[in-house]
Amino acid sequence: MASNPTRVSTHKTMTLDKTGQSRSSSDWTRDGALAPSVVVVTDSDPAVTDELATVLRERYTVRSAYDDADVLASLDADVSVILLDPELPGLSTREVRTRARNEAAGCQVAALTDERIDLAATWFDDYLVKPVAHDHLVSTVDRLSRRAEYRTALEVYYQTASERATVTERDRRSELDDRLSQLDQHLNDIFRDLDGSDAYDAALRGFGFDS
């Protein structure tokens, strides 16, 4: 699998790891919208993989994957969005989603398809019909990245609130109160950029109602 250099941006702001600790993110879109830490792109046609990756690499850190082993090797806690061809030979798409969300609970997976599909009949979060218009590609990844960030922040908020409810030591409670306040502001910031259905979906998944 070819490695790609990490894009460096002048935008710096708070994102959250799986424990709720803040970390500096250099992967924001140029218009200030949340961007995923990493996007994985894989299609059964290597030329399509390269085309989509080239477009997205102007804004994001991208990992191109050319076979099933590449895809699985690309998955870690930094991945927020996966663009995945379900017809990639040898690939178990369910294994990809399971492994991706074990690494990063908010990870969003979009199918790269040749025709429209009924999302309700699949486990995919979205889909893109090939050939994909470049502006539609970017807007879809932007939306999925915001949704991924919202879901991750929700999960951390629930975990932190649960810990806060059982802690008796004063300093630790104060620390958790500060973290909850920070998380609440972070969620509000993301929510303003989400439409109702995206926020609803993220909230349901945060409570464990996942297909």
C-alpha atoms as a PDB file:
ATOM      1  CA  MET A   1       0.000   0.000   0.000  1.00  0.00           C
ATOM      2  CA  ALA A   2       1.405   3.353  -1.001  1.00  0.00           C
ATOM      3  CA  SER A   3       1.867   5.808   1.832  1.00  0.00           C
ATOM      4  CA  ASN A   4       0.746   9.406   1.550  1.00  0.00           C
ATOM      5  CA  PRO A   5       2.255  12.406   3.327  1.00  0.00           C
ATOM      6  CA  THR A   6       0.088  14.106   5.915  1.00  0.00           C
ATOM      7  CA  ARG A   7      -1.276  17.454   4.772  1.00  0.00           C
ATOM      8  CA  VAL A   8      -0.392  20.320   7.096  1.00  0.00           C
ATOM      9  CA  SER A   9      -2.898  23.128   7.558  1.00  0.00           C
ATOM     10  CA  THR A  10      -2.833  26.387   9.450  1.00  0.00           C
ATOM     11  CA  HIS A  11      -6.154  25.505  11.114  1.00  0.00           C
ATOM     12  CA  LYS A  12      -5.739  24.259  14.694  1.00  0.00           C
ATOM     13  CA  THR A  13      -8.625  23.360  16.926  1.00  0.00           C
ATOM     14  CA  MET A  14      -9.851  20.821  19.436  1.00  0.00           C
ATOM     15  CA  THR A  15     -10.786  17.296  18.490  1.00  0.00           C
ATOM     16  CA  LEU A  16     -11.236  14.387  20.860  1.00  0.00           C
ATOM     17  CA  ASP A  17      -9.622  11.020  21.163  1.00  0.00           C
ATOM     18  CA  LYS A  18     -11.558   7.975  22.396  1.00  0.00           C
ATOM     19  CA  THR A  19     -10.868   8.862  26.032  1.00  0.00           C
ATOM     20  CA  GLY A  20     -12.193  12.393  25.711  1.00  0.00           C
ATOM     21  CA  GLN A  21      -8.799  14.043  25.875  1.00  0.00           C
ATOM     22  CA  SER A  22      -8.423  16.991  23.539  1.00  0.00           C
ATOM     23  CA  ARG A  23      -5.859  16.839  20.772  1.00  0.00           C
ATOM     24  CA  SER A  24      -4.798  19.317  18.126  1.00  0.00           C
ATOM     25  CA  SER A  25      -6.135  18.625  14.652  1.00  0.00           C
ATOM     26  CA  SER A  26      -4.445  19.796  11.467  1.00  0.00           C
ATOM     27  CA  ASP A  27      -7.095  18.251   9.239  1.00  0.00           C
ATOM     28  CA  TRP A  28      -9.785  20.872   8.755  1.00  0.00           C
ATOM     29  CA  THR A  29     -11.349  21.902   5.478  1.00  0.00           C
ATOM     30  CA  ARG A  30     -10.359  25.230   4.028  1.00  0.00           C
ATOM     31  CA  ASP A  31     -13.805  26.731   4.741  1.00  0.00           C
ATOM     32  CA  GLY A  32     -13.500  25.801   8.429  1.00  0.00           C
ATOM     33  CA  ALA A  33     -15.716  22.689   8.400  1.00  0.00           C
ATOM     34  CA  LEU A  34     -14.669  19.617  10.315  1.00  0.00           C
ATOM     35  CA  ALA A  35     -12.568  17.224   8.268  1.00  0.00           C
ATOM     36  CA  PRO A  36     -11.772  13.622   9.036  1.00  0.00           C
ATOM     37  CA  SER A  37      -8.333  12.759  10.357  1.00  0.00           C
ATOM     38  CA  VAL A  38      -8.036  10.148   7.601  1.00  0.00           C
ATOM     39  CA  VAL A  39     -10.186   9.067   4.645  1.00  0.00           C
ATOM     40  CA  VAL A  40      -9.685   5.560   3.233  1.00  0.00           C
ATOM     41  CA  VAL A  41     -10.563   5.165  -0.462  1.00  0.00           C
ATOM     42  CA  THR A  42     -10.842   1.817  -2.225  1.00  0.00           C
ATOM     43  CA  ASP A  43     -12.479   0.795  -5.488  1.00  0.00           C
ATOM     44  CA  SER A  44     -12.231  -2.357  -7.566  1.00  0.00           C
ATOM     45  CA  ASP A  45     -10.880  -0.148 -10.373  1.00  0.00           C
ATOM     46  CA  PRO A  46      -7.493   1.278  -9.310  1.00  0.00           C
ATOM     47  CA  ALA A  47      -8.009   4.243 -11.653  1.00  0.00           C
ATOM     48  CA  VAL A  48     -11.170   5.212  -9.755  1.00  0.00           C
ATOM     49  CA  THR A  49      -9.345   4.836  -6.439  1.00  0.00           C
ATOM     50  CA  ASP A  50      -6.597   7.146  -7.682  1.00  0.00           C
ATOM     51  CA  GLU A  51      -9.036   9.724  -9.088  1.00  0.00           C
ATOM     52  CA  LEU A  52     -11.092   9.998  -5.901  1.00  0.00           C
ATOM     53  CA  ALA A  53      -7.995  10.033  -3.707  1.00  0.00           C
ATOM     54  CA  THR A  54      -6.426  12.824  -5.765  1.00  0.00           C
ATOM     55  CA  VAL A  55      -9.519  15.021  -5.397  1.00  0.00           C
ATOM     56  CA  LEU A  56      -9.824  14.421  -1.665  1.00  0.00           C
ATOM     57  CA  ARG A  57      -6.119  14.814  -1.000  1.00  0.00           C
ATOM     58  CA  GLU A  58      -6.429  18.535  -1.705  1.00  0.00           C
ATOM     59  CA  ARG A  59      -8.372  18.790   1.563  1.00  0.00           C
ATOM     60  CA  TYR A  60      -7.770  15.649   3.599  1.00  0.00           C
ATOM     61  CA  THR A  61      -5.244  13.040   4.556  1.00  0.00           C
ATOM     62  CA  VAL A  62      -6.067  10.075   2.302  1.00  0.00           C
ATOM     63  CA  ARG A  63      -5.071   6.411   2.317  1.00  0.00           C
ATOM     64  CA  SER A  64      -5.534   4.632  -1.008  1.00  0.00           C
ATOM     65  CA  ALA A  65      -6.224   0.895  -0.767  1.00  0.00           C
ATOM     66  CA  TYR A  66      -6.054  -1.407  -3.778  1.00  0.00           C
ATOM     67  CA  ASP A  67      -7.040  -4.785  -2.361  1.00  0.00           C
ATOM     68  CA  ASP A  68      -8.672  -6.354   0.689  1.00  0.00           C
ATOM     69  CA  ALA A  69      -5.385  -6.569   2.601  1.00  0.00           C
ATOM     70  CA  ASP A  70      -4.695  -2.880   1.917  1.00  0.00           C
ATOM     71  CA  VAL A  71      -8.113  -1.908   3.268  1.00  0.00           C
ATOM     72  CA  LEU A  72      -7.732  -3.820   6.519  1.00  0.00           C
ATOM     73  CA  ALA A  73      -4.173  -2.557   7.000  1.00  0.00           C
ATOM     74  CA  SER A  74      -5.426   1.027   6.594  1.00  0.00           C
ATOM     75  CA  LEU A  75      -7.855   0.891   9.514  1.00  0.00           C
ATOM     76  CA  ASP A  76      -6.942   2.560  12.791  1.00  0.00           C
ATOM     77  CA  ALA A  77      -8.295   5.109  15.255  1.00  0.00           C
ATOM     78  CA  ASP A  78      -7.514   8.037  12.922  1.00  0.00           C
ATOM     79  CA  VAL A  79      -9.925   6.876  10.202  1.00  0.00           C
ATOM     80  CA  SER A  80     -13.193   8.809  10.163  1.00  0.00           C
ATOM     81  CA  VAL A  81     -14.547   8.072   6.666  1.00  0.00           C
ATOM     82  CA  ILE A  82     -14.202   5.041   4.399  1.00  0.00           C
ATOM     83  CA  LEU A  83     -15.247   5.053   0.730  1.00  0.00           C
ATOM     84  CA  LEU A  84     -15.629   1.388  -0.102  1.00  0.00           C
ATOM     85  CA  ASP A  85     -16.499  -0.589  -3.226  1.00  0.00           C
ATOM     86  CA  PRO A  86     -18.566  -3.589  -2.008  1.00  0.00           C
ATOM     87  CA  GLU A  87     -17.436  -5.509  -5.108  1.00  0.00           C
ATOM     88  CA  LEU A  88     -13.737  -5.398  -4.229  1.00  0.00           C
ATOM     89  CA  PRO A  89     -12.566  -9.018  -4.628  1.00  0.00           C
ATOM     90  CA  GLY A  90     -12.031 -10.948  -1.404  1.00  0.00           C
ATOM     91  CA  LEU A  91     -13.361  -8.166   0.805  1.00  0.00           C
ATOM     92  CA  SER A  92     -15.807  -8.679   3.672  1.00  0.00           C
ATOM     93  CA  THR A  93     -17.505  -5.295   3.949  1.00  0.00           C
ATOM     94  CA  ARG A  94     -18.996  -6.176   7.329  1.00  0.00           C
ATOM     95  CA  GLU A  95     -15.544  -7.030   8.651  1.00  0.00           C
ATOM     96  CA  VAL A  96     -14.334  -3.633   7.478  1.00  0.00           C
ATOM     97  CA  ARG A  97     -17.114  -1.811   9.301  1.00  0.00           C
ATOM     98  CA  THR A  98     -16.721  -3.888  12.456  1.00  0.00           C
ATOM     99  CA  ARG A  99     -12.974  -3.358  12.586  1.00  0.00           C
ATOM    100  CA  ALA A 100     -13.243   0.325  11.707  1.00  0.00           C
ATOM    101  CA  ARG A 101     -15.755   1.039  14.459  1.00  0.00           C
ATOM    102  CA  ASN A 102     -13.794  -0.980  16.972  1.00  0.00           C
ATOM    103  CA  GLU A 103     -10.986   1.493  16.293  1.00  0.00           C
ATOM    104  CA  ALA A 104     -13.136   4.641  15.995  1.00  0.00           C
ATOM    105  CA  ALA A 105     -16.785   4.429  17.013  1.00  0.00           C
ATOM    106  CA  GLY A 106     -17.852   7.328  14.814  1.00  0.00           C
ATOM    107  CA  CYS A 107     -16.302   6.011  11.596  1.00  0.00           C
ATOM    108  CA  GLN A 108     -18.644   6.455   8.622  1.00  0.00           C
ATOM    109  CA  VAL A 109     -18.640   4.040   5.666  1.00  0.00           C
ATOM    110  CA  ALA A 110     -19.983   5.008   2.233  1.00  0.00           C
ATOM    111  CA  ALA A 111     -20.437   2.521  -0.608  1.00  0.00           C
ATOM    112  CA  LEU A 112     -19.051   3.254  -4.060  1.00  0.00           C
ATOM    113  CA  THR A 113     -21.692   1.793  -6.380  1.00  0.00           C
ATOM    114  CA  ASP A 114     -22.700   1.682 -10.043  1.00  0.00           C
ATOM    115  CA  GLU A 115     -26.355   2.460  -9.283  1.00  0.00           C
ATOM    116  CA  ARG A 116     -28.592   3.858  -6.577  1.00  0.00           C
ATOM    117  CA  ILE A 117     -29.169   1.592  -3.567  1.00  0.00           C
ATOM    118  CA  ASP A 118     -31.672   1.434  -0.729  1.00  0.00           C
ATOM    119  CA  LEU A 119     -29.593   2.472   2.263  1.00  0.00           C
ATOM    120  CA  ALA A 120     -32.238   1.167   4.666  1.00  0.00           C
ATOM    121  CA  ALA A 121     -31.564  -2.347   3.360  1.00  0.00           C
ATOM    122  CA  THR A 122     -27.812  -2.070   3.985  1.00  0.00           C
ATOM    123  CA  TRP A 123     -25.491  -1.180   6.857  1.00  0.00           C
ATOM    124  CA  PHE A 124     -23.769   1.593   4.887  1.00  0.00           C
ATOM    125  CA  ASP A 125     -24.006   5.158   6.159  1.00  0.00           C
ATOM    126  CA  ASP A 126     -24.232   6.613   2.651  1.00  0.00           C
ATOM    127  CA  TYR A 127     -23.360   5.814  -0.942  1.00  0.00           C
ATOM    128  CA  LEU A 128     -21.878   7.470  -4.011  1.00  0.00           C
ATOM    129  CA  VAL A 129     -22.852   6.452  -7.548  1.00  0.00           C
ATOM    130  CA  LYS A 130     -19.945   6.240  -9.967  1.00  0.00           C
ATOM    131  CA  PRO A 131     -18.805   8.239 -11.809  1.00  0.00           C
ATOM    132  CA  VAL A 132     -18.785  10.633  -8.863  1.00  0.00           C
ATOM    133  CA  ALA A 133     -18.879  14.378  -9.483  1.00  0.00           C
ATOM    134  CA  HIS A 134     -15.980  15.942  -7.629  1.00  0.00           C
ATOM    135  CA  ASP A 135     -18.062  18.562  -5.821  1.00  0.00           C
ATOM    136  CA  HIS A 136     -20.521  15.893  -4.675  1.00  0.00           C
ATOM    137  CA  LEU A 137     -17.628  13.721  -3.500  1.00  0.00           C
ATOM    138  CA  VAL A 138     -16.192  16.500  -1.360  1.00  0.00           C
ATOM    139  CA  SER A 139     -19.542  17.606   0.078  1.00  0.00           C
ATOM    140  CA  THR A 140     -20.415  14.017   0.998  1.00  0.00           C
ATOM    141  CA  VAL A 141     -17.109  13.438   2.778  1.00  0.00           C
ATOM    142  CA  ASP A 142     -17.504  16.778   4.574  1.00  0.00           C
ATOM    143  CA  ARG A 143     -20.936  15.735   5.839  1.00  0.00           C
ATOM    144  CA  LEU A 144     -19.824  12.258   6.874  1.00  0.00           C
ATOM    145  CA  SER A 145     -16.817  13.671   8.709  1.00  0.00           C
ATOM    146  CA  ARG A 146     -19.001  16.015  10.742  1.00  0.00           C
ATOM    147  CA  ARG A 147     -21.300  13.126  11.549  1.00  0.00           C
ATOM    148  CA  ALA A 148     -18.323  10.985  12.610  1.00  0.00           C
ATOM    149  CA  GLU A 149     -17.021  13.726  14.886  1.00  0.00           C
ATOM    150  CA  TYR A 150     -20.460  14.217  16.447  1.00  0.00           C
ATOM    151  CA  ARG A 151     -20.932  10.531  17.145  1.00  0.00           C
ATOM    152  CA  THR A 152     -17.472  10.192  18.671  1.00  0.00           C
ATOM    153  CA  ALA A 153     -18.036  13.229  20.883  1.00  0.00           C
ATOM    154  CA  LEU A 154     -21.415  11.865  21.995  1.00  0.00           C
ATOM    155  CA  GLU A 155     -19.864   8.555  23.012  1.00  0.00           C
ATOM    156  CA  VAL A 156     -17.156  10.314  24.999  1.00  0.00           C
ATOM    157  CA  TYR A 157     -19.776  12.546  26.646  1.00  0.00           C
ATOM    158  CA  TYR A 158     -21.822   9.503  27.754  1.00  0.00           C
ATOM    159  CA  GLN A 159     -18.727   7.777  29.132  1.00  0.00           C
ATOM    160  CA  THR A 160     -17.585  10.898  30.975  1.00  0.00           C
ATOM    161  CA  ALA A 161     -21.049  11.562  32.418  1.00  0.00           C
ATOM    162  CA  SER A 162     -21.260   7.953  33.636  1.00  0.00           C
ATOM    163  CA  GLU A 163     -17.912   8.270  35.388  1.00  0.00           C
ATOM    164  CA  ARG A 164     -18.925  11.637  36.884  1.00  0.00           C
ATOM    165  CA  ALA A 165     -22.033  10.050  38.406  1.00  0.00           C
ATOM    166  CA  THR A 166     -19.949   7.579  40.424  1.00  0.00           C
ATOM    167  CA  VAL A 167     -16.966   9.727  41.455  1.00  0.00           C
ATOM    168  CA  THR A 168     -16.802  11.052  45.012  1.00  0.00           C
ATOM    169  CA  GLU A 169     -13.319  12.606  45.076  1.00  0.00           C
ATOM    170  CA  ARG A 170     -13.713  16.389  44.762  1.00  0.00           C
ATOM    171  CA  ASP A 171     -10.774  17.184  42.480  1.00  0.00           C
ATOM    172  CA  ARG A 172     -11.692  14.399  40.074  1.00  0.00           C
ATOM    173  CA  ARG A 173     -15.310  15.543  39.987  1.00  0.00           C
ATOM    174  CA  SER A 174     -14.178  19.072  39.176  1.00  0.00           C
ATOM    175  CA  GLU A 175     -11.948  17.745  36.398  1.00  0.00           C
ATOM    176  CA  LEU A 176     -14.836  15.761  34.927  1.00  0.00           C
ATOM    177  CA  ASP A 177     -17.165  18.755  35.183  1.00  0.00           C
ATOM    178  CA  ASP A 178     -14.687  20.797  33.158  1.00  0.00           C
ATOM    179  CA  ARG A 179     -14.402  18.034  30.581  1.00  0.00           C
ATOM    180  CA  LEU A 180     -18.192  17.736  30.282  1.00  0.00           C
ATOM    181  CA  SER A 181     -18.463  21.483  29.750  1.00  0.00           C
ATOM    182  CA  GLN A 182     -15.832  21.309  27.018  1.00  0.00           C
ATOM    183  CA  LEU A 183     -17.578  18.355  25.394  1.00  0.00           C
ATOM    184  CA  ASP A 184     -20.938  20.109  25.533  1.00  0.00           C
ATOM    185  CA  GLN A 185     -19.532  23.124  23.719  1.00  0.00           C
ATOM    186  CA  HIS A 186     -17.831  20.877  21.183  1.00  0.00           C
ATOM    187  CA  LEU A 187     -21.114  19.039  20.492  1.00  0.00           C
ATOM    188  CA  ASN A 188     -22.979  22.321  20.077  1.00  0.00           C
ATOM    189  CA  ASP A 189     -20.373  23.568  17.613  1.00  0.00           C
ATOM    190  CA  ILE A 190     -20.703  20.433  15.480  1.00  0.00           C
ATOM    191  CA  PHE A 191     -24.504  20.325  15.768  1.00  0.00           C
ATOM    192  CA  ARG A 192     -24.808  23.700  14.064  1.00  0.00           C
ATOM    193  CA  ASP A 193     -23.297  22.174  10.913  1.00  0.00           C
ATOM    194  CA  LEU A 194     -25.459  19.023  10.929  1.00  0.00           C
ATOM    195  CA  ASP A 195     -28.922  18.616   9.478  1.00  0.00           C
ATOM    196  CA  GLY A 196     -31.577  17.000  11.652  1.00  0.00           C
ATOM    197  CA  SER A 197     -31.305  13.506  10.173  1.00  0.00           C
ATOM    198  CA  ASP A 198     -27.529  13.375  10.630  1.00  0.00           C
ATOM    199  CA  ALA A 199     -27.777  14.465  14.264  1.00  0.00           C
ATOM    200  CA  TYR A 200     -30.611  11.990  14.896  1.00  0.00           C
ATOM    201  CA  ASP A 201     -28.651   9.135  13.341  1.00  0.00           C
ATOM    202  CA  ALA A 202     -25.540   9.949  15.345  1.00  0.00           C
ATOM    203  CA  ALA A 203     -27.541  10.154  18.569  1.00  0.00           C
ATOM    204  CA  LEU A 204     -29.222   6.789  17.980  1.00  0.00           C
ATOM    205  CA  ARG A 205     -25.882   5.154  17.251  1.00  0.00           C
ATOM    206  CA  GLY A 206     -24.454   6.796  20.336  1.00  0.00           C
ATOM    207  CA  PHE A 207     -27.097   5.095  22.433  1.00  0.00           C
ATOM    208  CA  GLY A 208     -26.279   1.765  20.793  1.00  0.00           C
ATOM    209  CA  PHE A 209     -29.157   1.527  18.297  1.00  0.00           C
ATOM    210  CA  ASP A 210     -26.942   0.486  15.427  1.00  0.00           C
ATOM    211  CA  SER A 211     -27.891  -1.867  12.630  1.00  0.00           C
END
